[in-house]
């Protein structure tokens, strides 16, 4: 018998999580806090600082559970500041500060102790162009 229930957040999934994401919605790495605010809906905020840039992703995600694991889709914004010219694709570059839209399609494996590992497709929308991107995340639910 398969104990998979899709839909409502199962009791074993805790409402808070903190995690690191490599690449992903901030572009390089990010440290994030995510909280389930209503059944399958979560909000996320993060930050990234490197020598020549900073970024702050903020997203709303919808989760679909399969036991302890889940698939999620989300959308939000990325606030960024680049201290020097930074190439993002072909001849397109970022400089200064700005906002861009970002999205997330993710699958996360959750262990019984709350540790988790996720893989994501995280495209950006910048100057009318979709920039495909992806990332990996690992952290802890509590």
N, C-alpha and C. Protein backbone atom coordinates (compact mmCIF):
# COMPACT_ATOMS: atom_id res chain seq x y z
N UNK A 1 0.85 -1.18 0.00
CA UNK A 1 0.00 0.00 0.00
C UNK A 1 0.89 1.24 0.00
N UNK A 2 0.56 2.20 -0.82
CA UNK A 2 1.37 3.40 -0.96
C UNK A 2 0.82 4.52 -0.07
N UNK A 3 1.61 4.98 0.93
CA UNK A 3 1.09 5.98 1.87
C UNK A 3 1.27 7.41 1.35
N UNK A 4 0.94 7.66 0.11
CA UNK A 4 1.11 9.00 -0.45
C UNK A 4 -0.23 9.70 -0.53
N UNK A 5 -0.29 10.86 0.08
CA UNK A 5 -1.49 11.68 0.00
C UNK A 5 -1.09 12.99 -0.63
N UNK A 6 -1.70 13.34 -1.71
CA UNK A 6 -1.38 14.57 -2.40
C UNK A 6 -2.32 15.67 -1.92
N UNK A 7 -1.80 16.84 -1.75
CA UNK A 7 -2.66 17.97 -1.40
C UNK A 7 -2.29 18.60 -0.09
N UNK A 8 -3.03 18.31 0.97
CA UNK A 8 -2.87 19.00 2.25
C UNK A 8 -1.53 18.67 2.88
N UNK A 9 -0.94 19.68 3.52
CA UNK A 9 0.35 19.54 4.20
C UNK A 9 0.27 18.45 5.25
N UNK A 10 1.11 17.40 5.16
CA UNK A 10 1.07 16.35 6.17
C UNK A 10 1.65 16.84 7.50
N UNK A 11 1.25 16.18 8.58
CA UNK A 11 1.67 16.60 9.92
C UNK A 11 3.18 16.57 10.09
N UNK A 12 3.90 15.66 9.40
CA UNK A 12 5.33 15.55 9.60
C UNK A 12 6.11 16.71 8.95
N UNK A 13 5.50 17.47 8.05
CA UNK A 13 6.17 18.61 7.45
C UNK A 13 6.01 19.80 8.38
N UNK A 14 7.12 20.30 8.87
CA UNK A 14 7.12 21.40 9.82
C UNK A 14 6.98 22.73 9.09
N UNK A 15 6.44 23.75 9.74
CA UNK A 15 6.10 24.99 9.02
C UNK A 15 7.27 25.90 8.66
N UNK A 16 8.41 25.75 9.30
CA UNK A 16 9.55 26.63 9.03
C UNK A 16 10.69 25.86 8.40
N UNK A 17 11.45 26.53 7.56
CA UNK A 17 12.68 25.93 7.05
C UNK A 17 13.70 27.02 6.80
N UNK A 18 14.94 26.64 7.01
CA UNK A 18 16.07 27.51 6.70
C UNK A 18 16.99 26.69 5.82
N UNK A 19 17.50 27.32 4.75
CA UNK A 19 18.30 26.54 3.82
C UNK A 19 19.23 27.41 2.99
N UNK A 20 20.23 26.74 2.45
CA UNK A 20 21.15 27.36 1.49
C UNK A 20 20.75 26.89 0.10
N UNK A 21 20.85 27.78 -0.84
CA UNK A 21 20.57 27.44 -2.23
C UNK A 21 21.79 27.82 -3.06
N UNK A 22 22.29 26.89 -3.84
CA UNK A 22 23.43 27.13 -4.72
C UNK A 22 22.86 27.43 -6.10
N UNK A 23 23.29 28.54 -6.69
CA UNK A 23 22.70 29.10 -7.92
C UNK A 23 21.26 29.48 -7.56
N UNK A 24 20.26 29.05 -8.26
CA UNK A 24 18.88 29.31 -7.88
C UNK A 24 18.41 30.74 -8.06
N UNK A 25 17.44 31.16 -7.26
CA UNK A 25 16.76 32.43 -7.46
C UNK A 25 17.60 33.67 -7.19
N UNK A 26 18.71 33.55 -6.50
CA UNK A 26 19.57 34.71 -6.28
C UNK A 26 20.69 34.78 -7.31
N UNK A 27 20.86 33.74 -8.10
CA UNK A 27 21.87 33.76 -9.15
C UNK A 27 23.20 33.14 -8.77
N UNK A 28 23.62 33.23 -7.53
CA UNK A 28 24.91 32.68 -7.10
C UNK A 28 24.69 31.65 -6.00
N UNK A 29 24.41 32.16 -4.83
CA UNK A 29 24.02 31.33 -3.69
C UNK A 29 23.05 32.18 -2.89
N UNK A 30 22.33 31.60 -1.97
CA UNK A 30 21.51 32.39 -1.06
C UNK A 30 21.23 31.60 0.20
N UNK A 31 21.01 32.34 1.28
CA UNK A 31 20.56 31.78 2.54
C UNK A 31 19.10 32.22 2.67
N UNK A 32 18.20 31.27 2.94
CA UNK A 32 16.77 31.54 2.87
C UNK A 32 16.01 31.06 4.10
N UNK A 33 14.91 31.75 4.36
CA UNK A 33 13.94 31.33 5.37
C UNK A 33 12.61 31.18 4.63
N UNK A 34 11.93 30.06 4.87
CA UNK A 34 10.63 29.82 4.24
C UNK A 34 9.64 29.38 5.32
N UNK A 35 8.42 29.87 5.21
CA UNK A 35 7.38 29.51 6.18
C UNK A 35 6.08 29.18 5.46
N UNK A 36 5.48 28.06 5.89
CA UNK A 36 4.16 27.70 5.39
C UNK A 36 3.17 28.61 6.11
N UNK A 37 2.42 29.39 5.35
CA UNK A 37 1.49 30.34 5.95
C UNK A 37 0.04 29.86 5.91
N UNK A 38 -0.28 28.96 4.98
CA UNK A 38 -1.63 28.42 4.90
C UNK A 38 -1.58 27.12 4.11
N UNK A 39 -1.84 26.00 4.78
CA UNK A 39 -1.84 24.67 4.18
C UNK A 39 -0.67 24.48 3.20
N UNK A 40 -0.87 24.70 1.92
CA UNK A 40 0.16 24.43 0.91
C UNK A 40 0.88 25.68 0.43
N UNK A 41 0.59 26.82 1.01
CA UNK A 41 1.16 28.09 0.56
C UNK A 41 2.29 28.51 1.48
N UNK A 42 3.45 28.82 0.88
CA UNK A 42 4.58 29.27 1.69
C UNK A 42 5.14 30.57 1.13
N UNK A 43 5.81 31.31 1.99
CA UNK A 43 6.52 32.52 1.58
C UNK A 43 7.99 32.32 1.91
N UNK A 44 8.83 32.94 1.09
CA UNK A 44 10.27 32.75 1.23
C UNK A 44 10.97 34.08 1.06
N UNK A 45 12.01 34.30 1.86
CA UNK A 45 12.88 35.48 1.72
C UNK A 45 14.31 35.01 1.91
N UNK A 46 15.22 35.59 1.15
CA UNK A 46 16.62 35.20 1.24
C UNK A 46 17.56 36.35 0.95
N UNK A 47 18.84 36.06 1.08
CA UNK A 47 19.85 37.07 0.79
C UNK A 47 21.11 36.43 0.25
N UNK A 48 21.86 37.21 -0.53
CA UNK A 48 23.17 36.80 -1.03
C UNK A 48 24.07 38.02 -1.00
N UNK A 49 25.29 37.85 -0.50
CA UNK A 49 26.30 38.90 -0.54
C UNK A 49 27.59 38.29 -1.07
N UNK A 50 28.18 38.90 -2.08
CA UNK A 50 29.51 38.57 -2.56
C UNK A 50 30.25 39.89 -2.73
N UNK A 51 31.52 39.84 -3.08
CA UNK A 51 32.33 41.06 -3.13
C UNK A 51 31.79 42.13 -4.07
N UNK A 52 31.16 41.75 -5.18
CA UNK A 52 30.71 42.75 -6.14
C UNK A 52 29.20 42.76 -6.37
N UNK A 53 28.42 42.07 -5.51
CA UNK A 53 26.97 42.02 -5.73
C UNK A 53 26.23 41.62 -4.46
N UNK A 54 24.96 42.00 -4.42
CA UNK A 54 24.06 41.51 -3.38
C UNK A 54 22.70 41.27 -4.04
N UNK A 55 21.95 40.33 -3.49
CA UNK A 55 20.65 39.99 -4.05
C UNK A 55 19.73 39.52 -2.93
N UNK A 56 18.42 39.78 -3.13
CA UNK A 56 17.42 39.46 -2.13
C UNK A 56 16.19 38.86 -2.81
N UNK A 57 16.09 37.52 -2.91
CA UNK A 57 14.90 36.91 -3.51
C UNK A 57 13.75 36.85 -2.51
N UNK A 58 12.54 37.06 -3.01
CA UNK A 58 11.32 36.92 -2.21
C UNK A 58 10.27 36.26 -3.10
N UNK A 59 9.74 35.12 -2.67
CA UNK A 59 8.79 34.35 -3.50
C UNK A 59 7.62 33.84 -2.68
N UNK A 60 6.53 33.56 -3.37
CA UNK A 60 5.38 32.85 -2.83
C UNK A 60 5.34 31.52 -3.56
N UNK A 61 5.22 30.41 -2.82
CA UNK A 61 5.26 29.07 -3.40
C UNK A 61 4.00 28.29 -3.05
N UNK A 62 3.60 27.42 -3.96
CA UNK A 62 2.50 26.49 -3.72
C UNK A 62 3.08 25.08 -3.73
N UNK A 63 2.85 24.33 -2.66
CA UNK A 63 3.40 22.98 -2.52
C UNK A 63 2.35 21.91 -2.77
N UNK A 64 2.79 20.82 -3.40
CA UNK A 64 1.97 19.63 -3.59
C UNK A 64 2.74 18.49 -2.94
N UNK A 65 2.19 17.91 -1.89
CA UNK A 65 2.90 16.91 -1.11
C UNK A 65 2.70 15.50 -1.63
N UNK A 66 3.76 14.72 -1.49
CA UNK A 66 3.75 13.29 -1.76
C UNK A 66 4.43 12.65 -0.54
N UNK A 67 3.66 12.39 0.50
CA UNK A 67 4.25 11.95 1.76
C UNK A 67 5.01 13.10 2.38
N UNK A 68 6.25 12.88 2.75
CA UNK A 68 7.07 13.93 3.32
C UNK A 68 7.70 14.82 2.25
N UNK A 69 7.84 14.33 1.05
CA UNK A 69 8.45 15.07 -0.05
C UNK A 69 7.42 15.97 -0.71
N UNK A 70 7.89 16.95 -1.49
CA UNK A 70 6.93 17.81 -2.16
C UNK A 70 7.49 18.42 -3.45
N UNK A 71 6.57 18.75 -4.30
CA UNK A 71 6.81 19.47 -5.54
C UNK A 71 6.27 20.87 -5.29
N UNK A 72 6.97 21.92 -5.73
CA UNK A 72 6.44 23.27 -5.53
C UNK A 72 6.66 24.14 -6.76
N UNK A 73 5.76 25.09 -6.92
CA UNK A 73 5.88 26.11 -7.97
C UNK A 73 5.71 27.45 -7.29
N UNK A 74 6.45 28.43 -7.76
CA UNK A 74 6.36 29.74 -7.13
C UNK A 74 6.80 30.85 -8.05
N UNK A 75 6.54 32.06 -7.61
CA UNK A 75 6.93 33.25 -8.36
C UNK A 75 7.22 34.37 -7.37
N UNK A 76 8.06 35.29 -7.80
CA UNK A 76 8.40 36.41 -6.93
C UNK A 76 9.31 37.40 -7.61
N UNK A 77 10.02 38.14 -6.79
CA UNK A 77 10.93 39.16 -7.31
C UNK A 77 12.33 38.94 -6.75
N UNK A 78 13.29 39.45 -7.48
CA UNK A 78 14.68 39.46 -7.04
C UNK A 78 15.14 40.91 -7.06
N UNK A 79 15.47 41.42 -5.89
CA UNK A 79 16.06 42.75 -5.77
C UNK A 79 17.57 42.57 -5.79
N UNK A 80 18.28 43.33 -6.64
CA UNK A 80 19.71 43.13 -6.77
C UNK A 80 20.47 44.45 -6.83
N UNK A 81 21.72 44.39 -6.45
CA UNK A 81 22.63 45.52 -6.61
C UNK A 81 23.97 44.97 -7.07
N UNK A 82 24.46 45.46 -8.18
CA UNK A 82 25.74 45.04 -8.74
C UNK A 82 26.71 46.22 -8.62
N UNK A 83 27.86 45.99 -8.04
CA UNK A 83 28.83 47.05 -7.82
C UNK A 83 29.76 47.26 -9.02
N UNK A 84 29.78 46.31 -9.95
CA UNK A 84 30.57 46.45 -11.18
C UNK A 84 29.81 45.74 -12.30
N UNK A 85 30.16 45.98 -13.55
CA UNK A 85 29.47 45.38 -14.69
C UNK A 85 29.52 43.86 -14.61
N UNK A 86 28.39 43.20 -14.76
CA UNK A 86 28.27 41.75 -14.60
C UNK A 86 27.51 41.18 -15.78
N UNK A 87 28.13 40.29 -16.56
CA UNK A 87 27.47 39.68 -17.72
C UNK A 87 26.53 38.57 -17.26
N UNK A 88 25.31 38.58 -17.85
CA UNK A 88 24.35 37.54 -17.51
C UNK A 88 24.03 36.61 -18.67
N UNK A 89 24.09 37.08 -19.89
CA UNK A 89 23.90 36.19 -21.04
C UNK A 89 24.30 36.95 -22.30
N UNK A 90 25.07 36.30 -23.15
CA UNK A 90 25.57 36.89 -24.39
C UNK A 90 26.15 38.27 -24.11
N UNK A 91 25.59 39.31 -24.71
CA UNK A 91 26.11 40.67 -24.48
C UNK A 91 25.31 41.43 -23.44
N UNK A 92 24.32 40.80 -22.83
CA UNK A 92 23.48 41.45 -21.83
C UNK A 92 24.26 41.53 -20.51
N UNK A 93 24.21 42.66 -19.84
CA UNK A 93 24.90 42.78 -18.57
C UNK A 93 24.05 43.56 -17.57
N UNK A 94 24.37 43.37 -16.31
CA UNK A 94 23.70 44.07 -15.21
C UNK A 94 24.70 45.04 -14.59
N UNK A 95 24.19 46.18 -14.19
CA UNK A 95 25.00 47.14 -13.44
C UNK A 95 24.05 48.03 -12.67
N UNK A 96 24.41 48.42 -11.47
CA UNK A 96 23.53 49.25 -10.66
C UNK A 96 22.58 48.41 -9.82
N UNK A 97 21.34 48.88 -9.66
CA UNK A 97 20.34 48.21 -8.84
C UNK A 97 19.07 47.99 -9.64
N UNK A 98 18.28 47.03 -9.22
CA UNK A 98 17.01 46.82 -9.91
C UNK A 98 16.22 45.67 -9.34
N UNK A 99 15.10 45.42 -10.00
CA UNK A 99 14.21 44.31 -9.67
C UNK A 99 14.00 43.49 -10.92
N UNK A 100 13.86 42.20 -10.76
CA UNK A 100 13.45 41.34 -11.87
C UNK A 100 12.53 40.27 -11.32
N UNK A 101 11.68 39.76 -12.18
CA UNK A 101 10.81 38.66 -11.79
C UNK A 101 11.57 37.36 -11.86
N UNK A 102 11.23 36.45 -10.96
CA UNK A 102 11.83 35.12 -10.95
C UNK A 102 10.74 34.11 -10.62
N UNK A 103 10.99 32.87 -10.96
CA UNK A 103 10.03 31.79 -10.70
C UNK A 103 10.81 30.58 -10.17
N UNK A 104 10.06 29.59 -9.72
CA UNK A 104 10.70 28.39 -9.17
C UNK A 104 9.79 27.19 -9.41
N UNK A 105 10.37 26.15 -10.01
CA UNK A 105 9.74 24.84 -10.12
C UNK A 105 10.70 23.90 -9.42
N UNK A 106 10.25 23.25 -8.35
CA UNK A 106 11.16 22.57 -7.43
C UNK A 106 10.62 21.21 -7.02
N UNK A 107 11.56 20.27 -6.77
CA UNK A 107 11.20 19.02 -6.11
C UNK A 107 12.13 18.86 -4.91
N UNK A 108 11.56 18.58 -3.74
CA UNK A 108 12.34 18.47 -2.51
C UNK A 108 12.12 17.13 -1.85
N UNK A 109 13.22 16.48 -1.49
CA UNK A 109 13.22 15.22 -0.72
C UNK A 109 13.46 15.58 0.74
N UNK A 110 12.57 15.13 1.63
CA UNK A 110 12.67 15.47 3.05
C UNK A 110 12.89 14.20 3.86
N UNK A 111 13.94 14.18 4.68
CA UNK A 111 14.21 13.05 5.57
C UNK A 111 13.34 13.17 6.82
N UNK A 112 13.18 12.08 7.54
CA UNK A 112 12.34 12.09 8.75
C UNK A 112 12.86 13.04 9.82
N UNK A 113 14.16 13.35 9.82
CA UNK A 113 14.71 14.26 10.81
C UNK A 113 14.58 15.73 10.40
N UNK A 114 13.93 16.01 9.27
CA UNK A 114 13.70 17.37 8.82
C UNK A 114 14.74 17.92 7.86
N UNK A 115 15.85 17.19 7.66
CA UNK A 115 16.84 17.64 6.68
C UNK A 115 16.27 17.43 5.29
N UNK A 116 16.60 18.32 4.35
CA UNK A 116 16.07 18.15 3.01
C UNK A 116 17.07 18.58 1.93
N UNK A 117 16.80 18.10 0.73
CA UNK A 117 17.60 18.38 -0.45
C UNK A 117 16.64 18.63 -1.61
N UNK A 118 16.84 19.74 -2.33
CA UNK A 118 15.93 20.07 -3.43
C UNK A 118 16.68 20.41 -4.71
N UNK A 119 16.00 20.28 -5.82
CA UNK A 119 16.53 20.67 -7.12
C UNK A 119 15.46 21.55 -7.78
N UNK A 120 15.90 22.64 -8.42
CA UNK A 120 14.94 23.63 -8.92
C UNK A 120 15.31 24.14 -10.31
N UNK A 121 14.28 24.51 -11.05
CA UNK A 121 14.41 25.32 -12.26
C UNK A 121 13.98 26.72 -11.84
N UNK A 122 14.86 27.72 -12.02
CA UNK A 122 14.62 29.06 -11.48
C UNK A 122 14.86 30.14 -12.54
N UNK A 123 13.99 30.27 -13.51
CA UNK A 123 14.21 31.27 -14.57
C UNK A 123 14.00 32.70 -14.06
N UNK A 124 14.61 33.64 -14.77
CA UNK A 124 14.45 35.07 -14.50
C UNK A 124 13.81 35.74 -15.71
N UNK A 125 13.08 36.82 -15.48
CA UNK A 125 12.56 37.65 -16.57
C UNK A 125 13.26 39.00 -16.44
N UNK A 126 14.09 39.34 -17.43
CA UNK A 126 14.86 40.57 -17.39
C UNK A 126 14.85 41.23 -18.77
N UNK A 127 14.45 42.49 -18.83
CA UNK A 127 14.36 43.24 -20.09
C UNK A 127 13.56 42.49 -21.15
N UNK A 128 12.46 41.86 -20.73
CA UNK A 128 11.60 41.15 -21.66
C UNK A 128 12.14 39.81 -22.13
N UNK A 129 13.25 39.36 -21.56
CA UNK A 129 13.85 38.08 -21.95
C UNK A 129 13.79 37.11 -20.78
N UNK A 130 13.50 35.85 -21.10
CA UNK A 130 13.52 34.79 -20.08
C UNK A 130 14.93 34.20 -20.06
N UNK A 131 15.52 34.21 -18.87
CA UNK A 131 16.86 33.67 -18.68
C UNK A 131 16.71 32.36 -17.90
N UNK A 132 16.92 31.20 -18.56
CA UNK A 132 16.78 29.92 -17.85
C UNK A 132 17.90 29.75 -16.82
N UNK A 133 17.57 29.20 -15.68
CA UNK A 133 18.55 29.01 -14.62
C UNK A 133 18.07 27.86 -13.74
N UNK A 134 18.87 27.41 -12.83
CA UNK A 134 18.50 26.33 -11.93
C UNK A 134 19.34 26.35 -10.67
N UNK A 135 19.00 25.50 -9.73
CA UNK A 135 19.76 25.46 -8.49
C UNK A 135 19.49 24.23 -7.66
N UNK A 136 20.27 24.11 -6.59
CA UNK A 136 20.14 23.03 -5.60
C UNK A 136 20.01 23.66 -4.24
N UNK A 137 19.19 23.06 -3.39
CA UNK A 137 19.04 23.59 -2.03
C UNK A 137 19.18 22.46 -1.02
N UNK A 138 19.64 22.84 0.16
CA UNK A 138 19.74 21.89 1.28
C UNK A 138 19.55 22.66 2.58
N UNK A 139 18.81 22.03 3.50
CA UNK A 139 18.54 22.73 4.76
C UNK A 139 17.79 21.87 5.73
N UNK A 140 17.05 22.54 6.62
CA UNK A 140 16.35 21.86 7.71
C UNK A 140 15.00 22.49 7.95
N UNK A 141 13.98 21.63 8.12
CA UNK A 141 12.67 22.07 8.54
C UNK A 141 12.61 22.04 10.06
N UNK A 142 11.87 22.98 10.64
CA UNK A 142 11.70 22.98 12.09
C UNK A 142 10.36 23.58 12.47
